[in-house]
Structures are given as structure tokens and as C-alpha cells.
Amino acid sequence: MATEVLLPKIGFAMNEGEVKEWLAQDGASVTAGQPLFVLEAEKSANEVEAPASGTLRIIKAAGEVYEVGTVIGMIE
């Protein structure tokens, strides 16, 4: 079963954030807990970990701003 990779809410007032960089390539095998992408929001940058193990499918490109809860990738 596929697991959605969502843009997380990392601050109380956060409504959107920018995917600065994907740390894994589309189609790469990832492990739960592995740093997956860099999220920049409100003057801070954080590495976000993979929520599951499997093959990463990137849906949303780096360098764009998305709303919290947006599906930005899938792990199959």
C-alpha cells in the first residue's frame, strides 16, 4: 500500500512552506526515517524524514511553495 508524503506543519502558525530540495531522487529506494526533503518555512529550514520505506515517487517539484497537507510525493 502506498504512503502519501505530505507537506508537514512544523510551526503553529505555518500555512505553507517551500520544498527547497529533494534529498532522494524520484524512483529511489528510501527507508523510513531517512531524510527525504528540505522544507523551508518562516525563516527556518528543516529536513523531513520519510514516513515509510519503499520507492519514492515525487509529485511536486522542489523550489515551489505548497500549502500544509499537500501531497508532494508517494512511497510505494
PDB file of N, CA and C in Angstrom:
ATOM      1  N   MET A   1       0.841  -1.187   0.000  1.00  0.00           N
ATOM      2  CA  MET A   1       0.000   0.000   0.000  1.00  0.00           C
ATOM      3  C   MET A   1       0.881   1.243   0.000  1.00  0.00           C
ATOM      4  N   ALA A   2       0.532   2.220  -0.803  1.00  0.00           N
ATOM      5  CA  ALA A   2       1.321   3.441  -0.921  1.00  0.00           C
ATOM      6  C   ALA A   2       1.084   4.361   0.280  1.00  0.00           C
ATOM      7  N   THR A   3       2.129   5.090   0.644  1.00  0.00           N
ATOM      8  CA  THR A   3       2.066   6.064   1.723  1.00  0.00           C
ATOM      9  C   THR A   3       2.250   7.453   1.130  1.00  0.00           C
ATOM     10  N   GLU A   4       1.348   8.373   1.458  1.00  0.00           N
ATOM     11  CA  GLU A   4       1.459   9.743   0.975  1.00  0.00           C
ATOM     12  C   GLU A   4       2.559  10.475   1.737  1.00  0.00           C
ATOM     13  N   VAL A   5       3.330  11.279   1.010  1.00  0.00           N
ATOM     14  CA  VAL A   5       4.301  12.177   1.624  1.00  0.00           C
ATOM     15  C   VAL A   5       3.642  13.552   1.609  1.00  0.00           C
ATOM     16  N   LEU A   6       3.305  14.058   2.793  1.00  0.00           N
ATOM     17  CA  LEU A   6       2.598  15.325   2.917  1.00  0.00           C
ATOM     18  C   LEU A   6       3.539  16.437   3.339  1.00  0.00           C
ATOM     19  N   LEU A   7       3.216  17.665   2.942  1.00  0.00           N
ATOM     20  CA  LEU A   7       3.958  18.818   3.440  1.00  0.00           C
ATOM     21  C   LEU A   7       3.518  19.021   4.889  1.00  0.00           C
ATOM     22  N   PRO A   8       4.420  18.825   5.853  1.00  0.00           N
ATOM     23  CA  PRO A   8       4.027  18.882   7.264  1.00  0.00           C
ATOM     24  C   PRO A   8       3.904  20.308   7.799  1.00  0.00           C
ATOM     25  N   LYS A   9       3.188  20.429   8.879  1.00  0.00           N
ATOM     26  CA  LYS A   9       3.080  21.697   9.610  1.00  0.00           C
ATOM     27  C   LYS A   9       4.113  21.649  10.714  1.00  0.00           C
ATOM     28  N   ILE A  10       5.140  22.509  10.627  1.00  0.00           N
ATOM     29  CA  ILE A  10       6.216  22.472  11.612  1.00  0.00           C
ATOM     30  C   ILE A  10       6.195  23.657  12.565  1.00  0.00           C
ATOM     31  N   GLY A  11       5.244  24.548  12.371  1.00  0.00           N
ATOM     32  CA  GLY A  11       5.090  25.687  13.266  1.00  0.00           C
ATOM     33  C   GLY A  11       3.619  25.949  13.490  1.00  0.00           C
ATOM     34  N   PHE A  12       3.270  26.506  14.641  1.00  0.00           N
ATOM     35  CA  PHE A  12       1.871  26.716  14.999  1.00  0.00           C
ATOM     36  C   PHE A  12       1.128  27.533  13.952  1.00  0.00           C
ATOM     37  N   ALA A  13       1.751  28.592  13.453  1.00  0.00           N
ATOM     38  CA  ALA A  13       1.089  29.492  12.507  1.00  0.00           C
ATOM     39  C   ALA A  13       1.408  29.171  11.050  1.00  0.00           C
ATOM     40  N   MET A  14       2.082  28.074  10.809  1.00  0.00           N
ATOM     41  CA  MET A  14       2.501  27.736   9.442  1.00  0.00           C
ATOM     42  C   MET A  14       1.306  27.301   8.589  1.00  0.00           C
ATOM     43  N   ASN A  15       1.166  27.936   7.415  1.00  0.00           N
ATOM     44  CA  ASN A  15       0.107  27.581   6.475  1.00  0.00           C
ATOM     45  C   ASN A  15       0.652  27.039   5.162  1.00  0.00           C
ATOM     46  N   GLU A  16       1.923  27.375   4.877  1.00  0.00           N
ATOM     47  CA  GLU A  16       2.563  26.932   3.645  1.00  0.00           C
ATOM     48  C   GLU A  16       4.068  26.851   3.857  1.00  0.00           C
ATOM     49  N   GLY A  17       4.728  26.140   2.955  1.00  0.00           N
ATOM     50  CA  GLY A  17       6.177  26.004   3.042  1.00  0.00           C
ATOM     51  C   GLY A  17       6.745  25.689   1.673  1.00  0.00           C
ATOM     52  N   GLU A  18       8.031  25.867   1.535  1.00  0.00           N
ATOM     53  CA  GLU A  18       8.710  25.616   0.266  1.00  0.00           C
ATOM     54  C   GLU A  18       9.550  24.355   0.353  1.00  0.00           C
ATOM     55  N   VAL A  19       9.370  23.471  -0.622  1.00  0.00           N
ATOM     56  CA  VAL A  19      10.241  22.308  -0.747  1.00  0.00           C
ATOM     57  C   VAL A  19      11.514  22.832  -1.398  1.00  0.00           C
ATOM     58  N   LYS A  20      12.552  23.041  -0.586  1.00  0.00           N
ATOM     59  CA  LYS A  20      13.805  23.617  -1.102  1.00  0.00           C
ATOM     60  C   LYS A  20      14.572  22.621  -1.945  1.00  0.00           C
ATOM     61  N   GLU A  21      14.597  21.359  -1.493  1.00  0.00           N
ATOM     62  CA  GLU A  21      15.409  20.355  -2.181  1.00  0.00           C
ATOM     63  C   GLU A  21      14.931  18.964  -1.804  1.00  0.00           C
ATOM     64  N   TRP A  22      14.817  18.102  -2.798  1.00  0.00           N
ATOM     65  CA  TRP A  22      14.588  16.689  -2.536  1.00  0.00           C
ATOM     66  C   TRP A  22      15.939  16.049  -2.266  1.00  0.00           C
ATOM     67  N   LEU A  23      16.060  15.291  -1.185  1.00  0.00           N
ATOM     68  CA  LEU A  23      17.321  14.644  -0.823  1.00  0.00           C
ATOM     69  C   LEU A  23      17.410  13.231  -1.394  1.00  0.00           C
ATOM     70  N   ALA A  24      16.317  12.751  -1.964  1.00  0.00           N
ATOM     71  CA  ALA A  24      16.285  11.454  -2.648  1.00  0.00           C
ATOM     72  C   ALA A  24      15.703  11.694  -4.035  1.00  0.00           C
ATOM     73  N   GLN A  25      16.141  10.922  -4.988  1.00  0.00           N
ATOM     74  CA  GLN A  25      15.688  11.072  -6.368  1.00  0.00           C
ATOM     75  C   GLN A  25      14.376  10.325  -6.600  1.00  0.00           C
ATOM     76  N   ASP A  26      13.615  10.774  -7.589  1.00  0.00           N
ATOM     77  CA  ASP A  26      12.405  10.078  -7.990  1.00  0.00           C
ATOM     78  C   ASP A  26      12.768   8.653  -8.404  1.00  0.00           C
ATOM     79  N   GLY A  27      12.064   7.679  -7.867  1.00  0.00           N
ATOM     80  CA  GLY A  27      12.337   6.279  -8.180  1.00  0.00           C
ATOM     81  C   GLY A  27      13.344   5.618  -7.258  1.00  0.00           C
ATOM     82  N   ALA A  28      13.913   6.397  -6.333  1.00  0.00           N
ATOM     83  CA  ALA A  28      14.906   5.858  -5.401  1.00  0.00           C
ATOM     84  C   ALA A  28      14.235   5.033  -4.309  1.00  0.00           C
ATOM     85  N   SER A  29      14.974   4.075  -3.792  1.00  0.00           N
ATOM     86  CA  SER A  29      14.526   3.288  -2.654  1.00  0.00           C
ATOM     87  C   SER A  29      14.858   4.077  -1.389  1.00  0.00           C
ATOM     88  N   VAL A  30      13.860   4.301  -0.537  1.00  0.00           N
ATOM     89  CA  VAL A  30      14.064   5.049   0.703  1.00  0.00           C
ATOM     90  C   VAL A  30      13.656   4.193   1.899  1.00  0.00           C
ATOM     91  N   THR A  31      14.187   4.552   3.054  1.00  0.00           N
ATOM     92  CA  THR A  31      13.909   3.851   4.299  1.00  0.00           C
ATOM     93  C   THR A  31      13.204   4.804   5.259  1.00  0.00           C
ATOM     94  N   ALA A  32      12.230   4.305   5.998  1.00  0.00           N
ATOM     95  CA  ALA A  32      11.529   5.127   6.989  1.00  0.00           C
ATOM     96  C   ALA A  32      12.545   5.796   7.913  1.00  0.00           C
ATOM     97  N   GLY A  33      12.404   7.092   8.121  1.00  0.00           N
ATOM     98  CA  GLY A  33      13.312   7.846   8.977  1.00  0.00           C
ATOM     99  C   GLY A  33      14.465   8.497   8.236  1.00  0.00           C
ATOM    100  N   GLN A  34      14.656   8.122   6.985  1.00  0.00           N
ATOM    101  CA  GLN A  34      15.724   8.716   6.169  1.00  0.00           C
ATOM    102  C   GLN A  34      15.323  10.145   5.779  1.00  0.00           C
ATOM    103  N   PRO A  35      16.257  11.112   5.838  1.00  0.00           N
ATOM    104  CA  PRO A  35      15.929  12.468   5.378  1.00  0.00           C
ATOM    105  C   PRO A  35      15.471  12.434   3.919  1.00  0.00           C
ATOM    106  N   LEU A  36      14.297  13.024   3.652  1.00  0.00           N
ATOM    107  CA  LEU A  36      13.668  12.927   2.343  1.00  0.00           C
ATOM    108  C   LEU A  36      13.717  14.241   1.561  1.00  0.00           C
ATOM    109  N   PHE A  37      13.418  15.349   2.255  1.00  0.00           N
ATOM    110  CA  PHE A  37      13.470  16.654   1.596  1.00  0.00           C
ATOM    111  C   PHE A  37      13.719  17.743   2.625  1.00  0.00           C
ATOM    112  N   VAL A  38      14.138  18.917   2.120  1.00  0.00           N
ATOM    113  CA  VAL A  38      14.364  20.081   2.971  1.00  0.00           C
ATOM    114  C   VAL A  38      13.158  20.997   2.819  1.00  0.00           C
ATOM    115  N   LEU A  39      12.537  21.319   3.944  1.00  0.00           N
ATOM    116  CA  LEU A  39      11.368  22.200   3.991  1.00  0.00           C
ATOM    117  C   LEU A  39      11.776  23.531   4.594  1.00  0.00           C
ATOM    118  N   GLU A  40      11.477  24.607   3.883  1.00  0.00           N
ATOM    119  CA  GLU A  40      11.771  25.944   4.401  1.00  0.00           C
ATOM    120  C   GLU A  40      10.461  26.656   4.675  1.00  0.00           C
ATOM    121  N   ALA A  41      10.343  27.176   5.893  1.00  0.00           N
ATOM    122  CA  ALA A  41       9.143  27.902   6.297  1.00  0.00           C
ATOM    123  C   ALA A  41       9.503  28.896   7.380  1.00  0.00           C
ATOM    124  N   GLU A  42       9.020  30.095   7.233  1.00  0.00           N
ATOM    125  CA  GLU A  42       9.191  31.126   8.259  1.00  0.00           C
ATOM    126  C   GLU A  42      10.616  31.216   8.786  1.00  0.00           C
ATOM    127  N   LYS A  43      11.553  31.398   7.887  1.00  0.00           N
ATOM    128  CA  LYS A  43      12.961  31.646   8.225  1.00  0.00           C
ATOM    129  C   LYS A  43      13.693  30.451   8.825  1.00  0.00           C
ATOM    130  N   SER A  44      13.160  29.254   8.666  1.00  0.00           N
ATOM    131  CA  SER A  44      13.876  28.069   9.140  1.00  0.00           C
ATOM    132  C   SER A  44      13.828  26.993   8.063  1.00  0.00           C
ATOM    133  N   ALA A  45      14.845  26.160   8.059  1.00  0.00           N
ATOM    134  CA  ALA A  45      14.889  25.036   7.122  1.00  0.00           C
ATOM    135  C   ALA A  45      15.031  23.761   7.941  1.00  0.00           C
ATOM    136  N   ASN A  46      14.245  22.769   7.598  1.00  0.00           N
ATOM    137  CA  ASN A  46      14.242  21.510   8.330  1.00  0.00           C
ATOM    138  C   ASN A  46      14.257  20.338   7.358  1.00  0.00           C
ATOM    139  N   GLU A  47      14.998  19.291   7.715  1.00  0.00           N
ATOM    140  CA  GLU A  47      14.949  18.059   6.942  1.00  0.00           C
ATOM    141  C   GLU A  47      13.728  17.275   7.414  1.00  0.00           C
ATOM    142  N   VAL A  48      12.957  16.791   6.460  1.00  0.00           N
ATOM    143  CA  VAL A  48      11.770  15.996   6.776  1.00  0.00           C
ATOM    144  C   VAL A  48      12.073  14.546   6.417  1.00  0.00           C
ATOM    145  N   GLU A  49      11.753  13.649   7.337  1.00  0.00           N
ATOM    146  CA  GLU A  49      12.072  12.235   7.169  1.00  0.00           C
ATOM    147  C   GLU A  49      10.976  11.486   6.420  1.00  0.00           C
ATOM    148  N   ALA A  50      11.374  10.406   5.772  1.00  0.00           N
ATOM    149  CA  ALA A  50      10.433   9.535   5.070  1.00  0.00           C
ATOM    150  C   ALA A  50       9.505   8.872   6.085  1.00  0.00           C
ATOM    151  N   PRO A  51       8.188   8.872   5.822  1.00  0.00           N
ATOM    152  CA  PRO A  51       7.248   8.244   6.754  1.00  0.00           C
ATOM    153  C   PRO A  51       7.164   6.730   6.610  1.00  0.00           C
ATOM    154  N   ALA A  52       7.770   6.188   5.553  1.00  0.00           N
ATOM    155  CA  ALA A  52       7.700   4.741   5.303  1.00  0.00           C
ATOM    156  C   ALA A  52       8.875   4.335   4.426  1.00  0.00           C
ATOM    157  N   SER A  53       9.054   3.034   4.265  1.00  0.00           N
ATOM    158  CA  SER A  53      10.089   2.508   3.379  1.00  0.00           C
ATOM    159  C   SER A  53       9.458   2.091   2.061  1.00  0.00           C
ATOM    160  N   GLY A  54      10.211   2.236   0.975  1.00  0.00           N
ATOM    161  CA  GLY A  54       9.723   1.833  -0.337  1.00  0.00           C
ATOM    162  C   GLY A  54      10.360   2.663  -1.431  1.00  0.00           C
ATOM    163  N   THR A  55       9.674   2.768  -2.562  1.00  0.00           N
ATOM    164  CA  THR A  55      10.162   3.517  -3.716  1.00  0.00           C
ATOM    165  C   THR A  55       9.500   4.883  -3.750  1.00  0.00           C
ATOM    166  N   LEU A  56      10.305   5.931  -3.820  1.00  0.00           N
ATOM    167  CA  LEU A  56       9.806   7.304  -3.818  1.00  0.00           C
ATOM    168  C   LEU A  56       9.320   7.714  -5.194  1.00  0.00           C
ATOM    169  N   ARG A  57       8.138   8.302  -5.237  1.00  0.00           N
ATOM    170  CA  ARG A  57       7.586   8.916  -6.450  1.00  0.00           C
ATOM    171  C   ARG A  57       7.327  10.381  -6.114  1.00  0.00           C
ATOM    172  N   ILE A  58       8.113  11.269  -6.711  1.00  0.00           N
ATOM    173  CA  ILE A  58       7.969  12.704  -6.456  1.00  0.00           C
ATOM    174  C   ILE A  58       6.820  13.251  -7.302  1.00  0.00           C
ATOM    175  N   ILE A  59       5.890  13.944  -6.661  1.00  0.00           N
ATOM    176  CA  ILE A  59       4.732  14.527  -7.339  1.00  0.00           C
ATOM    177  C   ILE A  59       4.917  16.032  -7.537  1.00  0.00           C
ATOM    178  N   LYS A  60       5.460  16.698  -6.533  1.00  0.00           N
ATOM    179  CA  LYS A  60       5.632  18.159  -6.585  1.00  0.00           C
ATOM    180  C   LYS A  60       7.114  18.504  -6.641  1.00  0.00           C
ATOM    181  N   ALA A  61       7.453  19.453  -7.480  1.00  0.00           N
ATOM    182  CA  ALA A  61       8.845  19.839  -7.705  1.00  0.00           C
ATOM    183  C   ALA A  61       9.405  20.681  -6.556  1.00  0.00           C
ATOM    184  N   ALA A  62      10.724  20.602  -6.404  1.00  0.00           N
ATOM    185  CA  ALA A  62      11.431  21.469  -5.443  1.00  0.00           C
ATOM    186  C   ALA A  62      11.415  22.892  -5.985  1.00  0.00           C
ATOM    187  N   GLY A  63      11.555  23.851  -5.059  1.00  0.00           N
ATOM    188  CA  GLY A  63      11.612  25.250  -5.448  1.00  0.00           C
ATOM    189  C   GLY A  63      10.253  25.924  -5.498  1.00  0.00           C
ATOM    190  N   GLU A  64       9.216  25.199  -5.102  1.00  0.00           N
ATOM    191  CA  GLU A  64       7.856  25.743  -5.124  1.00  0.00           C
ATOM    192  C   GLU A  64       7.287  25.779  -3.705  1.00  0.00           C
ATOM    193  N   VAL A  65       6.306  26.670  -3.504  1.00  0.00           N
ATOM    194  CA  VAL A  65       5.620  26.806  -2.220  1.00  0.00           C
ATOM    195  C   VAL A  65       4.292  26.055  -2.312  1.00  0.00           C
ATOM    196  N   TYR A  66       4.011  25.260  -1.268  1.00  0.00           N
ATOM    197  CA  TYR A  66       2.779  24.473  -1.217  1.00  0.00           C
ATOM    198  C   TYR A  66       2.101  24.666   0.130  1.00  0.00           C
ATOM    199  N   GLU A  67       0.789  24.452   0.164  1.00  0.00           N
ATOM    200  CA  GLU A  67       0.038  24.541   1.407  1.00  0.00           C
ATOM    201  C   GLU A  67       0.321  23.316   2.280  1.00  0.00           C
ATOM    202  N   VAL A  68       0.237  23.493   3.591  1.00  0.00           N
ATOM    203  CA  VAL A  68       0.380  22.395   4.539  1.00  0.00           C
ATOM    204  C   VAL A  68      -0.645  21.319   4.174  1.00  0.00           C
ATOM    205  N   GLY A  69      -0.210  20.067   4.177  1.00  0.00           N
ATOM    206  CA  GLY A  69      -1.102  18.960   3.889  1.00  0.00           C
ATOM    207  C   GLY A  69      -1.123  18.550   2.422  1.00  0.00           C
ATOM    208  N   THR A  70      -0.437  19.308   1.552  1.00  0.00           N
ATOM    209  CA  THR A  70      -0.359  18.957   0.143  1.00  0.00           C
ATOM    210  C   THR A  70       0.406  17.655  -0.027  1.00  0.00           C
ATOM    211  N   VAL A  71      -0.096  16.766  -0.865  1.00  0.00           N
ATOM    212  CA  VAL A  71       0.619  15.534  -1.185  1.00  0.00           C
ATOM    213  C   VAL A  71       1.724  15.908  -2.168  1.00  0.00           C
ATOM    214  N   ILE A  72       2.971  15.766  -1.719  1.00  0.00           N
ATOM    215  CA  ILE A  72       4.112  16.144  -2.569  1.00  0.00           C
ATOM    216  C   ILE A  72       4.847  14.937  -3.123  1.00  0.00           C
ATOM    217  N   GLY A  73       4.510  13.759  -2.610  1.00  0.00           N
ATOM    218  CA  GLY A  73       5.147  12.531  -3.096  1.00  0.00           C
ATOM    219  C   GLY A  73       4.408  11.320  -2.572  1.00  0.00           C
ATOM    220  N   MET A  74       4.819  10.158  -3.081  1.00  0.00           N
ATOM    221  CA  MET A  74       4.257   8.879  -2.637  1.00  0.00           C
ATOM    222  C   MET A  74       5.414   7.920  -2.411  1.00  0.00           C
ATOM    223  N   ILE A  75       5.248   7.032  -1.449  1.00  0.00           N
ATOM    224  CA  ILE A  75       6.224   5.957  -1.240  1.00  0.00           C
ATOM    225  C   ILE A  75       5.457   4.664  -1.445  1.00  0.00           C
ATOM    226  N   GLU A  76       5.869   3.919  -2.461  1.00  0.00           N
ATOM    227  CA  GLU A  76       5.166   2.686  -2.840  1.00  0.00           C
ATOM    228  C   GLU A  76       5.924   1.462  -2.388  1.00  0.00           C
TER     229      GLU A  76
END
